[in-house]
Amino acid sequence: MNKDVLVDAGLTNREAEAYLSLLQLEEALVSEISKKTRENRTHLYDTLNSLIKKGLVSYVIKNGKKYFRPAPPE
């Protein structure tokens, strides 16, 4: 999937980067996504919350830790 397609669909650059990274990771902690995107964890939480509101990301809690999952791109 191309970042430009996501931006054209209405995502911000940060949202598109986070979503694409999460698609590659399949399920990840915010620290793992942060390493991949090189985005500050604080900003990444805001970005992920925005993606959750748009229905593109969800999360599960395992052992007290929040793991984020991407919705299928279809």
C-alpha atoms as a PDB file:
ATOM      1  CA  MET A   1       0.000   0.000   0.000  1.00  0.00           C
ATOM      2  CA  ASN A   2       1.199   3.485  -0.848  1.00  0.00           C
ATOM      3  CA  LYS A   3       1.318   6.336   1.667  1.00  0.00           C
ATOM      4  CA  ASP A   4       0.043   8.796  -0.970  1.00  0.00           C
ATOM      5  CA  VAL A   5      -3.127   6.738  -1.414  1.00  0.00           C
ATOM      6  CA  LEU A   6      -3.826   6.998   2.311  1.00  0.00           C
ATOM      7  CA  VAL A   7      -3.152  10.745   2.373  1.00  0.00           C
ATOM      8  CA  ASP A   8      -5.452  11.208  -0.639  1.00  0.00           C
ATOM      9  CA  ALA A   9      -8.096   9.248   1.280  1.00  0.00           C
ATOM     10  CA  GLY A  10      -7.946  11.816   4.087  1.00  0.00           C
ATOM     11  CA  LEU A  11      -5.260  10.651   6.490  1.00  0.00           C
ATOM     12  CA  THR A  12      -2.511  12.939   7.696  1.00  0.00           C
ATOM     13  CA  ASN A  13       1.106  12.034   6.958  1.00  0.00           C
ATOM     14  CA  ARG A  14       1.572  10.874  10.559  1.00  0.00           C
ATOM     15  CA  GLU A  15      -1.557   8.739  10.444  1.00  0.00           C
ATOM     16  CA  ALA A  16      -0.517   7.169   7.139  1.00  0.00           C
ATOM     17  CA  GLU A  17       2.989   6.386   8.451  1.00  0.00           C
ATOM     18  CA  ALA A  18       1.648   4.849  11.658  1.00  0.00           C
ATOM     19  CA  TYR A  19      -0.970   2.777   9.812  1.00  0.00           C
ATOM     20  CA  LEU A  20       1.531   1.455   7.249  1.00  0.00           C
ATOM     21  CA  SER A  21       4.016   0.582   9.985  1.00  0.00           C
ATOM     22  CA  LEU A  22       1.329  -1.206  11.939  1.00  0.00           C
ATOM     23  CA  LEU A  23       0.307  -3.175   8.848  1.00  0.00           C
ATOM     24  CA  GLN A  24       3.879  -4.465   8.630  1.00  0.00           C
ATOM     25  CA  LEU A  25       4.088  -5.253  12.343  1.00  0.00           C
ATOM     26  CA  GLU A  26       0.539  -6.743  12.464  1.00  0.00           C
ATOM     27  CA  GLU A  27       0.301  -6.153  16.226  1.00  0.00           C
ATOM     28  CA  ALA A  28       2.577  -3.982  18.301  1.00  0.00           C
ATOM     29  CA  LEU A  29       3.153  -1.940  21.410  1.00  0.00           C
ATOM     30  CA  VAL A  30       3.412   1.804  20.943  1.00  0.00           C
ATOM     31  CA  SER A  31       7.152   1.585  21.658  1.00  0.00           C
ATOM     32  CA  GLU A  32       7.608  -0.778  18.702  1.00  0.00           C
ATOM     33  CA  ILE A  33       5.593   1.451  16.393  1.00  0.00           C
ATOM     34  CA  SER A  34       7.573   4.451  17.629  1.00  0.00           C
ATOM     35  CA  LYS A  35      10.865   2.788  16.700  1.00  0.00           C
ATOM     36  CA  LYS A  36       9.585   1.985  13.214  1.00  0.00           C
ATOM     37  CA  THR A  37       8.091   5.426  12.511  1.00  0.00           C
ATOM     38  CA  ARG A  38      10.701   7.389  14.488  1.00  0.00           C
ATOM     39  CA  GLU A  39       7.850   9.399  15.972  1.00  0.00           C
ATOM     40  CA  ASN A  40       7.769  10.496  19.597  1.00  0.00           C
ATOM     41  CA  ARG A  41       5.605   8.127  21.672  1.00  0.00           C
ATOM     42  CA  THR A  42       3.509  11.002  23.025  1.00  0.00           C
ATOM     43  CA  HIS A  43       2.588  12.164  19.533  1.00  0.00           C
ATOM     44  CA  LEU A  44       2.091   8.584  18.410  1.00  0.00           C
ATOM     45  CA  TYR A  45      -0.608   8.011  21.042  1.00  0.00           C
ATOM     46  CA  ASP A  46      -2.523  10.995  19.606  1.00  0.00           C
ATOM     47  CA  THR A  47      -2.073   9.630  16.093  1.00  0.00           C
ATOM     48  CA  LEU A  48      -3.217   6.129  17.080  1.00  0.00           C
ATOM     49  CA  ASN A  49      -6.251   7.527  18.908  1.00  0.00           C
ATOM     50  CA  SER A  50      -7.189   9.409  15.745  1.00  0.00           C
ATOM     51  CA  LEU A  51      -6.847   6.194  13.712  1.00  0.00           C
ATOM     52  CA  ILE A  52      -9.007   4.361  16.279  1.00  0.00           C
ATOM     53  CA  LYS A  53     -11.742   6.991  15.851  1.00  0.00           C
ATOM     54  CA  LYS A  54     -11.532   6.507  12.071  1.00  0.00           C
ATOM     55  CA  GLY A  55     -11.884   2.741  12.488  1.00  0.00           C
ATOM     56  CA  LEU A  56      -8.462   1.900  11.067  1.00  0.00           C
ATOM     57  CA  VAL A  57      -6.811   0.711  14.282  1.00  0.00           C
ATOM     58  CA  SER A  58      -7.970  -1.229  17.321  1.00  0.00           C
ATOM     59  CA  TYR A  59      -6.202  -2.523  20.396  1.00  0.00           C
ATOM     60  CA  VAL A  60      -6.214  -5.368  22.867  1.00  0.00           C
ATOM     61  CA  ILE A  61      -4.789  -5.447  26.354  1.00  0.00           C
ATOM     62  CA  LYS A  62      -2.518  -8.378  27.170  1.00  0.00           C
ATOM     63  CA  ASN A  63      -0.790  -8.656  30.523  1.00  0.00           C
ATOM     64  CA  GLY A  64      -1.596  -5.028  31.251  1.00  0.00           C
ATOM     65  CA  LYS A  65      -0.052  -3.749  28.002  1.00  0.00           C
ATOM     66  CA  LYS A  66      -1.921  -2.207  25.082  1.00  0.00           C
ATOM     67  CA  TYR A  67      -1.227  -3.855  21.719  1.00  0.00           C
ATOM     68  CA  PHE A  68      -2.404  -2.019  18.621  1.00  0.00           C
ATOM     69  CA  ARG A  69      -3.727  -3.810  15.530  1.00  0.00           C
ATOM     70  CA  PRO A  70      -4.500  -2.390  12.085  1.00  0.00           C
ATOM     71  CA  ALA A  71      -7.833  -2.940  10.367  1.00  0.00           C
ATOM     72  CA  PRO A  72      -7.480  -4.691   7.007  1.00  0.00           C
ATOM     73  CA  PRO A  73      -6.790  -2.158   4.244  1.00  0.00           C
ATOM     74  CA  GLU A  74      -9.677  -3.469   2.166  1.00  0.00           C
END
